[in-house]
Amino acid sequence: MLLNSDQIFDYLVEHGLCSQSEQALTKIEPKDSA
């Protein structure tokens, strides 16, 4: 089963494996790394 990043974070947070603050940090990553 394939999940996009949002679904993965929802799953992790729901099961207490990831915090909302960690989710926020990962969303700040630059999309294009040259």
Protein backbone atom coordinates (compact mmCIF):
# COMPACT_ATOMS: atom_id res chain seq x y z
CA MET A 1 0.00 0.00 0.00
CA LEU A 2 1.44 3.34 -1.07
CA LEU A 3 0.89 6.48 0.96
CA ASN A 4 1.67 10.09 0.20
CA SER A 5 3.59 12.10 2.79
CA ASP A 6 0.46 13.63 4.33
CA GLN A 7 -1.15 10.22 4.80
CA ILE A 8 2.06 8.84 6.28
CA PHE A 9 2.25 11.67 8.80
CA ASP A 10 -1.45 11.32 9.64
CA TYR A 11 -0.82 7.62 10.29
CA LEU A 12 2.28 8.26 12.39
CA VAL A 13 0.70 11.03 14.44
CA GLU A 14 -2.44 8.94 14.92
CA HIS A 15 -0.36 6.09 16.31
CA GLY A 16 1.85 8.37 18.40
CA LEU A 17 4.94 7.69 16.30
CA CYS A 18 5.41 11.24 15.11
CA SER A 19 4.60 14.65 16.57
CA GLN A 20 2.83 17.52 14.86
CA SER A 21 5.98 19.64 15.29
CA GLU A 22 8.02 17.09 13.32
CA GLN A 23 5.39 17.14 10.58
CA ALA A 24 5.62 20.94 10.38
CA LEU A 25 9.41 20.81 10.10
CA THR A 26 9.38 18.36 7.21
CA LYS A 27 7.00 20.58 5.24
CA ILE A 28 9.58 23.40 5.26
CA GLU A 29 12.11 21.38 3.28
CA PRO A 30 13.00 23.04 -0.06
CA LYS A 31 11.35 21.27 -2.98
CA ASP A 32 14.15 21.74 -5.50
CA SER A 33 17.71 20.96 -4.46
CA ALA A 34 20.05 22.05 -7.24
